[in-house]
Structure formats: C-alpha cells, structure tokens
Amino acid sequence: MAQPHSQHHGHGHEQQGHGSFKSYVIGFILSIVLTIIPLVLVMNHMLSKIPLLILILVMAVLQFLVQLFFFMHIREGEKPRYNVMTLILGLVIVFTIVAGSVWIMSFNSQVQ
C-alpha cells in the first residue's frame, strides 16, 4: 500500500509548475490588448512613421514578456535561474544574427 501512495505523490509534484486558469486568462487578455493597440493605430493613421515604429516595437517586447511569464512560466520550475540564463543566451544569439544580417544588407546596398 505504500508504493501506490509514493507514486501518486510523485505525480502531484509534476503538476506543481502549471499556471492557474486566472493567470492564463490575464495573459490572454493582455496579449489581445497588446495586439489591438498597434493595429488600431496603424489602421487609423494616428501617428507618424517613427513614433508608430517605436510603439510597435515596445508593444512587441511587452507581448514577448507576457508570453514568457504567463504562458511559458519562465520564473517557475526547480531552477528558474537556468531558464533565464538560457533565454538570455538565446536572445544574444538572435540579436547577433539579426543585427549582423541588417548590417551586411545595409553595407551591401551602399556599395552598389
């Protein structure tokens, strides 16, 4: 009788890292709002080009953070520090690839 209880206890430990229904709903609503704001501004031509691009970029970063914290549970787990370190490494690699590609494309367009 001790074995089934210990197996059940191990199964309950796996469920601990999941978010609540409330956190999923909040994350979903924030995602919708952060998508609708730039859409409305672009469709109604409410801002000039540069402020609009800055606002879209800010909304994209906020959307990224909402996805990480509400849906991917970046702070949860046995060792959340390793999750954050892995995320930062991935962001550095992506930034390097994107910045290098933009730099190469801009350099290539100036040569012609």
PDB file of N, CA and C in Angstrom:
ATOM      1  N   MET A   1       0.810  -1.177   0.000  1.00  0.00           N
ATOM      2  CA  MET A   1       0.000   0.000   0.000  1.00  0.00           C
ATOM      3  C   MET A   1       0.862   1.254   0.000  1.00  0.00           C
ATOM      4  N   ALA A   2       2.106   1.147   0.434  1.00  0.00           N
ATOM      5  CA  ALA A   2       2.985   2.313   0.467  1.00  0.00           C
ATOM      6  C   ALA A   2       3.440   2.699  -0.937  1.00  0.00           C
ATOM      7  N   GLN A   3       3.552   1.725  -1.825  1.00  0.00           N
ATOM      8  CA  GLN A   3       4.018   2.032  -3.173  1.00  0.00           C
ATOM      9  C   GLN A   3       3.044   2.900  -3.961  1.00  0.00           C
ATOM     10  N   PRO A   4       1.749   2.596  -4.030  1.00  0.00           N
ATOM     11  CA  PRO A   4       0.849   3.454  -4.785  1.00  0.00           C
ATOM     12  C   PRO A   4       0.827   4.884  -4.261  1.00  0.00           C
ATOM     13  N   HIS A   5       0.938   5.050  -2.940  1.00  0.00           N
ATOM     14  CA  HIS A   5       0.924   6.393  -2.380  1.00  0.00           C
ATOM     15  C   HIS A   5       2.152   7.180  -2.831  1.00  0.00           C
ATOM     16  N   SER A   6       3.319   6.529  -2.859  1.00  0.00           N
ATOM     17  CA  SER A   6       4.530   7.237  -3.270  1.00  0.00           C
ATOM     18  C   SER A   6       4.496   7.569  -4.763  1.00  0.00           C
ATOM     19  N   GLN A   7       3.889   6.698  -5.573  1.00  0.00           N
ATOM     20  CA  GLN A   7       3.767   7.013  -6.995  1.00  0.00           C
ATOM     21  C   GLN A   7       2.817   8.173  -7.206  1.00  0.00           C
ATOM     22  N   HIS A   8       1.739   8.224  -6.449  1.00  0.00           N
ATOM     23  CA  HIS A   8       0.778   9.319  -6.580  1.00  0.00           C
ATOM     24  C   HIS A   8       1.421  10.642  -6.150  1.00  0.00           C
ATOM     25  N   HIS A   9       2.247  10.595  -5.115  1.00  0.00           N
ATOM     26  CA  HIS A   9       2.908  11.800  -4.638  1.00  0.00           C
ATOM     27  C   HIS A   9       3.858  12.355  -5.708  1.00  0.00           C
ATOM     28  N   GLY A  10       4.547  11.471  -6.419  1.00  0.00           N
ATOM     29  CA  GLY A  10       5.438  11.906  -7.496  1.00  0.00           C
ATOM     30  C   GLY A  10       4.672  12.559  -8.634  1.00  0.00           C
ATOM     31  N   HIS A  11       3.470  12.053  -8.923  1.00  0.00           N
ATOM     32  CA  HIS A  11       2.654  12.617  -9.989  1.00  0.00           C
ATOM     33  C   HIS A  11       2.179  14.022  -9.627  1.00  0.00           C
ATOM     34  N   GLY A  12       1.860  14.252  -8.367  1.00  0.00           N
ATOM     35  CA  GLY A  12       1.415  15.568  -7.919  1.00  0.00           C
ATOM     36  C   GLY A  12       2.522  16.599  -8.019  1.00  0.00           C
ATOM     37  N   HIS A  13       3.761  16.186  -7.871  1.00  0.00           N
ATOM     38  CA  HIS A  13       4.899  17.093  -7.969  1.00  0.00           C
ATOM     39  C   HIS A  13       5.044  17.623  -9.392  1.00  0.00           C
ATOM     40  N   GLU A  14       4.696  16.830 -10.407  1.00  0.00           N
ATOM     41  CA  GLU A  14       4.797  17.276 -11.795  1.00  0.00           C
ATOM     42  C   GLU A  14       3.786  18.372 -12.097  1.00  0.00           C
ATOM     43  N   GLN A  15       2.626  18.339 -11.471  1.00  0.00           N
ATOM     44  CA  GLN A  15       1.568  19.304 -11.734  1.00  0.00           C
ATOM     45  C   GLN A  15       1.849  20.665 -11.098  1.00  0.00           C
ATOM     46  N   GLN A  16       2.813  20.774 -10.236  1.00  0.00           N
ATOM     47  CA  GLN A  16       3.043  21.986  -9.477  1.00  0.00           C
ATOM     48  C   GLN A  16       3.459  23.166 -10.346  1.00  0.00           C
ATOM     49  N   GLY A  17       4.142  22.980 -11.447  1.00  0.00           N
ATOM     50  CA  GLY A  17       4.677  24.060 -12.251  1.00  0.00           C
ATOM     51  C   GLY A  17       3.687  24.733 -13.167  1.00  0.00           C
ATOM     52  N   HIS A  18       2.451  24.264 -13.271  1.00  0.00           N
ATOM     53  CA  HIS A  18       1.488  24.840 -14.191  1.00  0.00           C
ATOM     54  C   HIS A  18       0.817  26.063 -13.592  1.00  0.00           C
ATOM     55  N   GLY A  19       0.435  27.005 -14.480  1.00  0.00           N
ATOM     56  CA  GLY A  19      -0.235  28.214 -14.032  1.00  0.00           C
ATOM     57  C   GLY A  19      -1.703  27.969 -13.773  1.00  0.00           C
ATOM     58  N   SER A  20      -2.312  28.938 -13.129  1.00  0.00           N
ATOM     59  CA  SER A  20      -3.730  28.827 -12.822  1.00  0.00           C
ATOM     60  C   SER A  20      -4.557  29.321 -14.007  1.00  0.00           C
ATOM     61  N   PHE A  21      -5.830  29.028 -13.970  1.00  0.00           N
ATOM     62  CA  PHE A  21      -6.744  29.478 -15.016  1.00  0.00           C
ATOM     63  C   PHE A  21      -6.767  31.003 -15.066  1.00  0.00           C
ATOM     64  N   LYS A  22      -6.731  31.627 -13.897  1.00  0.00           N
ATOM     65  CA  LYS A  22      -6.738  33.084 -13.815  1.00  0.00           C
ATOM     66  C   LYS A  22      -5.521  33.683 -14.517  1.00  0.00           C
ATOM     67  N   SER A  23      -4.341  33.113 -14.303  1.00  0.00           N
ATOM     68  CA  SER A  23      -3.137  33.655 -14.946  1.00  0.00           C
ATOM     69  C   SER A  23      -3.190  33.473 -16.464  1.00  0.00           C
ATOM     70  N   TYR A  24      -3.763  32.366 -16.931  1.00  0.00           N
ATOM     71  CA  TYR A  24      -3.909  32.172 -18.374  1.00  0.00           C
ATOM     72  C   TYR A  24      -4.865  33.188 -18.979  1.00  0.00           C
ATOM     73  N   VAL A  25      -5.961  33.469 -18.286  1.00  0.00           N
ATOM     74  CA  VAL A  25      -6.934  34.450 -18.786  1.00  0.00           C
ATOM     75  C   VAL A  25      -6.313  35.845 -18.810  1.00  0.00           C
ATOM     76  N   ILE A  26      -5.597  36.213 -17.762  1.00  0.00           N
ATOM     77  CA  ILE A  26      -4.935  37.518 -17.725  1.00  0.00           C
ATOM     78  C   ILE A  26      -3.915  37.626 -18.859  1.00  0.00           C
ATOM     79  N   GLY A  27      -3.124  36.587 -19.054  1.00  0.00           N
ATOM     80  CA  GLY A  27      -2.148  36.585 -20.141  1.00  0.00           C
ATOM     81  C   GLY A  27      -2.809  36.691 -21.504  1.00  0.00           C
ATOM     82  N   PHE A  28      -3.910  35.994 -21.678  1.00  0.00           N
ATOM     83  CA  PHE A  28      -4.631  36.040 -22.955  1.00  0.00           C
ATOM     84  C   PHE A  28      -5.178  37.440 -23.227  1.00  0.00           C
ATOM     85  N   ILE A  29      -5.788  38.042 -22.202  1.00  0.00           N
ATOM     86  CA  ILE A  29      -6.354  39.387 -22.364  1.00  0.00           C
ATOM     87  C   ILE A  29      -5.243  40.403 -22.656  1.00  0.00           C
ATOM     88  N   LEU A  30      -4.129  40.307 -21.940  1.00  0.00           N
ATOM     89  CA  LEU A  30      -3.002  41.210 -22.207  1.00  0.00           C
ATOM     90  C   LEU A  30      -2.467  41.020 -23.626  1.00  0.00           C
ATOM     91  N   SER A  31      -2.404  39.783 -24.083  1.00  0.00           N
ATOM     92  CA  SER A  31      -1.937  39.521 -25.447  1.00  0.00           C
ATOM     93  C   SER A  31      -2.865  40.149 -26.482  1.00  0.00           C
ATOM     94  N   ILE A  32      -4.163  40.025 -26.266  1.00  0.00           N
ATOM     95  CA  ILE A  32      -5.137  40.620 -27.190  1.00  0.00           C
ATOM     96  C   ILE A  32      -5.004  42.137 -27.199  1.00  0.00           C
ATOM     97  N   VAL A  33      -4.912  42.752 -26.020  1.00  0.00           N
ATOM     98  CA  VAL A  33      -4.794  44.215 -25.928  1.00  0.00           C
ATOM     99  C   VAL A  33      -3.506  44.695 -26.589  1.00  0.00           C
ATOM    100  N   LEU A  34      -2.398  43.999 -26.336  1.00  0.00           N
ATOM    101  CA  LEU A  34      -1.120  44.399 -26.917  1.00  0.00           C
ATOM    102  C   LEU A  34      -1.070  44.165 -28.424  1.00  0.00           C
ATOM    103  N   THR A  35      -1.990  43.397 -28.958  1.00  0.00           N
ATOM    104  CA  THR A  35      -2.095  43.215 -30.404  1.00  0.00           C
ATOM    105  C   THR A  35      -3.023  44.261 -31.012  1.00  0.00           C
ATOM    106  N   ILE A  36      -4.098  44.579 -30.325  1.00  0.00           N
ATOM    107  CA  ILE A  36      -5.099  45.506 -30.868  1.00  0.00           C
ATOM    108  C   ILE A  36      -4.586  46.949 -30.891  1.00  0.00           C
ATOM    109  N   ILE A  37      -3.839  47.369 -29.879  1.00  0.00           N
ATOM    110  CA  ILE A  37      -3.367  48.763 -29.819  1.00  0.00           C
ATOM    111  C   ILE A  37      -2.569  49.145 -31.073  1.00  0.00           C
ATOM    112  N   PRO A  38      -1.519  48.426 -31.452  1.00  0.00           N
ATOM    113  CA  PRO A  38      -0.803  48.820 -32.669  1.00  0.00           C
ATOM    114  C   PRO A  38      -1.666  48.697 -33.925  1.00  0.00           C
ATOM    115  N   LEU A  39      -2.535  47.703 -33.958  1.00  0.00           N
ATOM    116  CA  LEU A  39      -3.395  47.524 -35.119  1.00  0.00           C
ATOM    117  C   LEU A  39      -4.290  48.746 -35.330  1.00  0.00           C
ATOM    118  N   VAL A  40      -4.915  49.225 -34.257  1.00  0.00           N
ATOM    119  CA  VAL A  40      -5.802  50.395 -34.349  1.00  0.00           C
ATOM    120  C   VAL A  40      -5.001  51.631 -34.763  1.00  0.00           C
ATOM    121  N   LEU A  41      -3.822  51.791 -34.183  1.00  0.00           N
ATOM    122  CA  LEU A  41      -3.008  52.958 -34.526  1.00  0.00           C
ATOM    123  C   LEU A  41      -2.565  52.949 -35.984  1.00  0.00           C
ATOM    124  N   VAL A  42      -2.234  51.784 -36.505  1.00  0.00           N
ATOM    125  CA  VAL A  42      -1.818  51.685 -37.903  1.00  0.00           C
ATOM    126  C   VAL A  42      -3.006  51.867 -38.845  1.00  0.00           C
ATOM    127  N   MET A  43      -4.110  51.230 -38.543  1.00  0.00           N
ATOM    128  CA  MET A  43      -5.272  51.300 -39.436  1.00  0.00           C
ATOM    129  C   MET A  43      -5.865  52.707 -39.508  1.00  0.00           C
ATOM    130  N   ASN A  44      -5.775  53.474 -38.431  1.00  0.00           N
ATOM    131  CA  ASN A  44      -6.361  54.810 -38.403  1.00  0.00           C
ATOM    132  C   ASN A  44      -5.338  55.922 -38.645  1.00  0.00           C
ATOM    133  N   HIS A  45      -4.096  55.564 -38.934  1.00  0.00           N
ATOM    134  CA  HIS A  45      -3.024  56.536 -39.223  1.00  0.00           C
ATOM    135  C   HIS A  45      -2.945  57.601 -38.126  1.00  0.00           C
ATOM    136  N   MET A  46      -2.874  57.167 -36.883  1.00  0.00           N
ATOM    137  CA  MET A  46      -2.912  58.076 -35.740  1.00  0.00           C
ATOM    138  C   MET A  46      -1.550  58.676 -35.400  1.00  0.00           C
ATOM    139  N   LEU A  47      -0.463  58.053 -35.811  1.00  0.00           N
ATOM    140  CA  LEU A  47       0.877  58.546 -35.504  1.00  0.00           C
ATOM    141  C   LEU A  47       1.698  58.613 -36.791  1.00  0.00           C
ATOM    142  N   SER A  48       2.750  59.426 -36.743  1.00  0.00           N
ATOM    143  CA  SER A  48       3.666  59.456 -37.882  1.00  0.00           C
ATOM    144  C   SER A  48       4.546  58.202 -37.861  1.00  0.00           C
ATOM    145  N   LYS A  49       5.405  58.076 -38.843  1.00  0.00           N
ATOM    146  CA  LYS A  49       6.129  56.825 -39.067  1.00  0.00           C
ATOM    147  C   LYS A  49       7.036  56.417 -37.897  1.00  0.00           C
ATOM    148  N   ILE A  50       7.918  57.301 -37.447  1.00  0.00           N
ATOM    149  CA  ILE A  50       8.903  56.939 -36.416  1.00  0.00           C
ATOM    150  C   ILE A  50       8.231  56.630 -35.067  1.00  0.00           C
ATOM    151  N   PRO A  51       7.333  57.498 -34.550  1.00  0.00           N
ATOM    152  CA  PRO A  51       6.674  57.123 -33.287  1.00  0.00           C
ATOM    153  C   PRO A  51       5.857  55.834 -33.399  1.00  0.00           C
ATOM    154  N   LEU A  52       5.278  55.600 -34.561  1.00  0.00           N
ATOM    155  CA  LEU A  52       4.498  54.373 -34.761  1.00  0.00           C
ATOM    156  C   LEU A  52       5.406  53.146 -34.719  1.00  0.00           C
ATOM    157  N   LEU A  53       6.561  53.222 -35.355  1.00  0.00           N
ATOM    158  CA  LEU A  53       7.506  52.098 -35.318  1.00  0.00           C
ATOM    159  C   LEU A  53       8.005  51.844 -33.900  1.00  0.00           C
ATOM    160  N   ILE A  54       8.270  52.914 -33.160  1.00  0.00           N
ATOM    161  CA  ILE A  54       8.729  52.756 -31.775  1.00  0.00           C
ATOM    162  C   ILE A  54       7.630  52.107 -30.929  1.00  0.00           C
ATOM    163  N   LEU A  55       6.400  52.563 -31.103  1.00  0.00           N
ATOM    164  CA  LEU A  55       5.285  51.985 -30.347  1.00  0.00           C
ATOM    165  C   LEU A  55       5.075  50.510 -30.695  1.00  0.00           C
ATOM    166  N   ILE A  56       5.173  50.167 -31.962  1.00  0.00           N
ATOM    167  CA  ILE A  56       5.026  48.762 -32.367  1.00  0.00           C
ATOM    168  C   ILE A  56       6.131  47.914 -31.745  1.00  0.00           C
ATOM    169  N   LEU A  57       7.348  48.435 -31.728  1.00  0.00           N
ATOM    170  CA  LEU A  57       8.461  47.709 -31.124  1.00  0.00           C
ATOM    171  C   LEU A  57       8.241  47.511 -29.626  1.00  0.00           C
ATOM    172  N   VAL A  58       7.787  48.555 -28.931  1.00  0.00           N
ATOM    173  CA  VAL A  58       7.514  48.447 -27.495  1.00  0.00           C
ATOM    174  C   VAL A  58       6.415  47.424 -27.236  1.00  0.00           C
ATOM    175  N   MET A  59       5.358  47.469 -28.041  1.00  0.00           N
ATOM    176  CA  MET A  59       4.259  46.502 -27.865  1.00  0.00           C
ATOM    177  C   MET A  59       4.738  45.073 -28.136  1.00  0.00           C
ATOM    178  N   ALA A  60       5.636  44.899 -29.097  1.00  0.00           N
ATOM    179  CA  ALA A  60       6.170  43.572 -29.393  1.00  0.00           C
ATOM    180  C   ALA A  60       6.996  43.041 -28.214  1.00  0.00           C
ATOM    181  N   VAL A  61       7.802  43.905 -27.607  1.00  0.00           N
ATOM    182  CA  VAL A  61       8.600  43.484 -26.451  1.00  0.00           C
ATOM    183  C   VAL A  61       7.686  43.138 -25.276  1.00  0.00           C
ATOM    184  N   LEU A  62       6.667  43.962 -25.049  1.00  0.00           N
ATOM    185  CA  LEU A  62       5.710  43.656 -23.976  1.00  0.00           C
ATOM    186  C   LEU A  62       4.973  42.343 -24.249  1.00  0.00           C
ATOM    187  N   GLN A  63       4.613  42.122 -25.496  1.00  0.00           N
ATOM    188  CA  GLN A  63       3.946  40.868 -25.879  1.00  0.00           C
ATOM    189  C   GLN A  63       4.870  39.667 -25.601  1.00  0.00           C
ATOM    190  N   PHE A  64       6.143  39.826 -25.909  1.00  0.00           N
ATOM    191  CA  PHE A  64       7.141  38.785 -25.651  1.00  0.00           C
ATOM    192  C   PHE A  64       7.211  38.475 -24.153  1.00  0.00           C
ATOM    193  N   LEU A  65       7.242  39.526 -23.332  1.00  0.00           N
ATOM    194  CA  LEU A  65       7.315  39.319 -21.886  1.00  0.00           C
ATOM    195  C   LEU A  65       6.047  38.662 -21.346  1.00  0.00           C
ATOM    196  N   VAL A  66       4.893  39.054 -21.848  1.00  0.00           N
ATOM    197  CA  VAL A  66       3.641  38.431 -21.430  1.00  0.00           C
ATOM    198  C   VAL A  66       3.668  36.944 -21.762  1.00  0.00           C
ATOM    199  N   GLN A  67       4.114  36.600 -22.967  1.00  0.00           N
ATOM    200  CA  GLN A  67       4.182  35.190 -23.361  1.00  0.00           C
ATOM    201  C   GLN A  67       5.122  34.408 -22.437  1.00  0.00           C
ATOM    202  N   LEU A  68       6.267  35.008 -22.113  1.00  0.00           N
ATOM    203  CA  LEU A  68       7.230  34.320 -21.255  1.00  0.00           C
ATOM    204  C   LEU A  68       6.689  34.076 -19.851  1.00  0.00           C
ATOM    205  N   PHE A  69       6.120  35.096 -19.247  1.00  0.00           N
ATOM    206  CA  PHE A  69       5.734  34.978 -17.847  1.00  0.00           C
ATOM    207  C   PHE A  69       4.384  34.308 -17.638  1.00  0.00           C
ATOM    208  N   PHE A  70       3.435  34.515 -18.543  1.00  0.00           N
ATOM    209  CA  PHE A  70       2.101  33.950 -18.315  1.00  0.00           C
ATOM    210  C   PHE A  70       1.920  32.568 -18.950  1.00  0.00           C
ATOM    211  N   PHE A  71       2.599  32.284 -20.057  1.00  0.00           N
ATOM    212  CA  PHE A  71       2.363  31.022 -20.750  1.00  0.00           C
ATOM    213  C   PHE A  71       3.558  30.068 -20.688  1.00  0.00           C
ATOM    214  N   MET A  72       4.761  30.583 -20.690  1.00  0.00           N
ATOM    215  CA  MET A  72       5.935  29.707 -20.678  1.00  0.00           C
ATOM    216  C   MET A  72       6.504  29.521 -19.270  1.00  0.00           C
ATOM    217  N   HIS A  73       5.969  30.229 -18.296  1.00  0.00           N
ATOM    218  CA  HIS A  73       6.330  30.078 -16.878  1.00  0.00           C
ATOM    219  C   HIS A  73       7.842  30.165 -16.671  1.00  0.00           C
ATOM    220  N   ILE A  74       8.431  31.241 -17.159  1.00  0.00           N
ATOM    221  CA  ILE A  74       9.884  31.379 -17.113  1.00  0.00           C
ATOM    222  C   ILE A  74      10.424  31.452 -15.681  1.00  0.00           C
ATOM    223  N   ARG A  75       9.618  31.922 -14.736  1.00  0.00           N
ATOM    224  CA  ARG A  75      10.082  32.036 -13.352  1.00  0.00           C
ATOM    225  C   ARG A  75       9.816  30.790 -12.534  1.00  0.00           C
ATOM    226  N   GLU A  76       9.081  29.850 -13.081  1.00  0.00           N
ATOM    227  CA  GLU A  76       8.720  28.663 -12.320  1.00  0.00           C
ATOM    228  C   GLU A  76       9.648  27.509 -12.653  1.00  0.00           C
ATOM    229  N   GLY A  77       9.641  26.521 -11.826  1.00  0.00           N
ATOM    230  CA  GLY A  77      10.456  25.332 -12.049  1.00  0.00           C
ATOM    231  C   GLY A  77      11.442  25.146 -10.916  1.00  0.00           C
ATOM    232  N   GLU A  78      12.202  24.080 -10.998  1.00  0.00           N
ATOM    233  CA  GLU A  78      13.157  23.782  -9.944  1.00  0.00           C
ATOM    234  C   GLU A  78      14.309  24.778  -9.932  1.00  0.00           C
ATOM    235  N   LYS A  79      14.756  25.171 -11.113  1.00  0.00           N
ATOM    236  CA  LYS A  79      15.883  26.094 -11.197  1.00  0.00           C
ATOM    237  C   LYS A  79      15.556  27.187 -12.219  1.00  0.00           C
ATOM    238  N   PRO A  80      14.750  28.185 -11.842  1.00  0.00           N
ATOM    239  CA  PRO A  80      14.354  29.215 -12.803  1.00  0.00           C
ATOM    240  C   PRO A  80      15.528  30.065 -13.276  1.00  0.00           C
ATOM    241  N   ARG A  81      16.600  30.124 -12.495  1.00  0.00           N
ATOM    242  CA  ARG A  81      17.769  30.903 -12.905  1.00  0.00           C
ATOM    243  C   ARG A  81      18.356  30.353 -14.199  1.00  0.00           C
ATOM    244  N   TYR A  82      18.370  29.044 -14.360  1.00  0.00           N
ATOM    245  CA  TYR A  82      18.898  28.452 -15.584  1.00  0.00           C
ATOM    246  C   TYR A  82      17.986  28.758 -16.768  1.00  0.00           C
ATOM    247  N   ASN A  83      16.682  28.817 -16.536  1.00  0.00           N
ATOM    248  CA  ASN A  83      15.754  29.198 -17.606  1.00  0.00           C
ATOM    249  C   ASN A  83      16.051  30.597 -18.102  1.00  0.00           C
ATOM    250  N   VAL A  84      16.273  31.521 -17.185  1.00  0.00           N
ATOM    251  CA  VAL A  84      16.555  32.907 -17.555  1.00  0.00           C
ATOM    252  C   VAL A  84      17.908  33.003 -18.264  1.00  0.00           C
ATOM    253  N   MET A  85      18.898  32.286 -17.778  1.00  0.00           N
ATOM    254  CA  MET A  85      20.214  32.324 -18.412  1.00  0.00           C
ATOM    255  C   MET A  85      20.140  31.765 -19.832  1.00  0.00           C
ATOM    256  N   THR A  86      19.396  30.702 -20.027  1.00  0.00           N
ATOM    257  CA  THR A  86      19.224  30.127 -21.359  1.00  0.00           C
ATOM    258  C   THR A  86      18.485  31.094 -22.267  1.00  0.00           C
ATOM    259  N   LEU A  87      17.472  31.749 -21.739  1.00  0.00           N
ATOM    260  CA  LEU A  87      16.733  32.742 -22.507  1.00  0.00           C
ATOM    261  C   LEU A  87      17.642  33.892 -22.928  1.00  0.00           C
ATOM    262  N   ILE A  88      18.465  34.389 -22.028  1.00  0.00           N
ATOM    263  CA  ILE A  88      19.375  35.493 -22.356  1.00  0.00           C
ATOM    264  C   ILE A  88      20.368  35.068 -23.422  1.00  0.00           C
ATOM    265  N   LEU A  89      20.906  33.871 -23.324  1.00  0.00           N
ATOM    266  CA  LEU A  89      21.822  33.375 -24.347  1.00  0.00           C
ATOM    267  C   LEU A  89      21.126  33.293 -25.707  1.00  0.00           C
ATOM    268  N   GLY A  90      19.915  32.793 -25.721  1.00  0.00           N
ATOM    269  CA  GLY A  90      19.161  32.719 -26.971  1.00  0.00           C
ATOM    270  C   GLY A  90      18.902  34.098 -27.560  1.00  0.00           C
ATOM    271  N   LEU A  91      18.566  35.066 -26.703  1.00  0.00           N
ATOM    272  CA  LEU A  91      18.334  36.430 -27.175  1.00  0.00           C
ATOM    273  C   LEU A  91      19.610  37.057 -27.733  1.00  0.00           C
ATOM    274  N   VAL A  92      20.744  36.806 -27.093  1.00  0.00           N
ATOM    275  CA  VAL A  92      22.023  37.320 -27.601  1.00  0.00           C
ATOM    276  C   VAL A  92      22.313  36.731 -28.979  1.00  0.00           C
ATOM    277  N   ILE A  93      22.082  35.452 -29.150  1.00  0.00           N
ATOM    278  CA  ILE A  93      22.326  34.811 -30.444  1.00  0.00           C
ATOM    279  C   ILE A  93      21.389  35.379 -31.505  1.00  0.00           C
ATOM    280  N   VAL A  94      20.104  35.506 -31.178  1.00  0.00           N
ATOM    281  CA  VAL A  94      19.143  36.062 -32.147  1.00  0.00           C
ATOM    282  C   VAL A  94      19.496  37.501 -32.486  1.00  0.00           C
ATOM    283  N   PHE A  95      19.826  38.315 -31.476  1.00  0.00           N
ATOM    284  CA  PHE A  95      20.194  39.709 -31.731  1.00  0.00           C
ATOM    285  C   PHE A  95      21.430  39.797 -32.618  1.00  0.00           C
ATOM    286  N   THR A  96      22.418  38.946 -32.362  1.00  0.00           N
ATOM    287  CA  THR A  96      23.638  38.946 -33.171  1.00  0.00           C
ATOM    288  C   THR A  96      23.334  38.595 -34.623  1.00  0.00           C
ATOM    289  N   ILE A  97      22.506  37.595 -34.844  1.00  0.00           N
ATOM    290  CA  ILE A  97      22.160  37.190 -36.209  1.00  0.00           C
ATOM    291  C   ILE A  97      21.376  38.285 -36.920  1.00  0.00           C
ATOM    292  N   VAL A  98      20.373  38.863 -36.236  1.00  0.00           N
ATOM    293  CA  VAL A  98      19.554  39.904 -36.866  1.00  0.00           C
ATOM    294  C   VAL A  98      20.380  41.157 -37.120  1.00  0.00           C
ATOM    295  N   ALA A  99      21.133  41.621 -36.121  1.00  0.00           N
ATOM    296  CA  ALA A  99      21.946  42.834 -36.292  1.00  0.00           C
ATOM    297  C   ALA A  99      23.012  42.621 -37.367  1.00  0.00           C
ATOM    298  N   GLY A 100      23.640  41.461 -37.377  1.00  0.00           N
ATOM    299  CA  GLY A 100      24.639  41.172 -38.410  1.00  0.00           C
ATOM    300  C   GLY A 100      24.024  41.127 -39.794  1.00  0.00           C
ATOM    301  N   SER A 101      22.844  40.553 -39.918  1.00  0.00           N
ATOM    302  CA  SER A 101      22.171  40.499 -41.219  1.00  0.00           C
ATOM    303  C   SER A 101      21.787  41.895 -41.704  1.00  0.00           C
ATOM    304  N   VAL A 102      21.257  42.719 -40.808  1.00  0.00           N
ATOM    305  CA  VAL A 102      20.901  44.091 -41.185  1.00  0.00           C
ATOM    306  C   VAL A 102      22.142  44.875 -41.563  1.00  0.00           C
ATOM    307  N   TRP A 103      23.227  44.702 -40.816  1.00  0.00           N
ATOM    308  CA  TRP A 103      24.467  45.404 -41.116  1.00  0.00           C
ATOM    309  C   TRP A 103      25.015  44.990 -42.487  1.00  0.00           C
ATOM    310  N   ILE A 104      25.007  43.705 -42.757  1.00  0.00           N
ATOM    311  CA  ILE A 104      25.503  43.218 -44.048  1.00  0.00           C
ATOM    312  C   ILE A 104      24.624  43.720 -45.186  1.00  0.00           C
ATOM    313  N   MET A 105      23.305  43.689 -45.000  1.00  0.00           N
ATOM    314  CA  MET A 105      22.410  44.165 -46.057  1.00  0.00           C
ATOM    315  C   MET A 105      22.570  45.659 -46.297  1.00  0.00           C
ATOM    316  N   SER A 106      22.758  46.440 -45.235  1.00  0.00           N
ATOM    317  CA  SER A 106      22.928  47.892 -45.421  1.00  0.00           C
ATOM    318  C   SER A 106      24.291  48.188 -46.054  1.00  0.00           C
ATOM    319  N   PHE A 107      25.314  47.453 -45.697  1.00  0.00           N
ATOM    320  CA  PHE A 107      26.632  47.636 -46.298  1.00  0.00           C
ATOM    321  C   PHE A 107      26.592  47.258 -47.779  1.00  0.00           C
ATOM    322  N   ASN A 108      25.893  46.179 -48.084  1.00  0.00           N
ATOM    323  CA  ASN A 108      25.784  45.712 -49.464  1.00  0.00           C
ATOM    324  C   ASN A 108      25.019  46.721 -50.312  1.00  0.00           C
ATOM    325  N   SER A 109      24.030  47.376 -49.788  1.00  0.00           N
ATOM    326  CA  SER A 109      23.240  48.328 -50.576  1.00  0.00           C
ATOM    327  C   SER A 109      24.018  49.623 -50.816  1.00  0.00           C
ATOM    328  N   GLN A 110      24.990  49.970 -49.970  1.00  0.00           N
ATOM    329  CA  GLN A 110      25.779  51.174 -50.160  1.00  0.00           C
ATOM    330  C   GLN A 110      26.874  50.994 -51.202  1.00  0.00           C
ATOM    331  N   VAL A 111      27.316  49.782 -51.414  1.00  0.00           N
ATOM    332  CA  VAL A 111      28.394  49.513 -52.362  1.00  0.00           C
ATOM    333  C   VAL A 111      27.908  49.722 -53.790  1.00  0.00           C
ATOM    334  N   GLN A 112      26.708  49.367 -54.092  1.00  0.00           N
ATOM    335  CA  GLN A 112      26.188  49.475 -55.447  1.00  0.00           C
ATOM    336  C   GLN A 112      25.962  50.898 -55.726  1.00  0.00           C
TER     337      GLN A 112
END
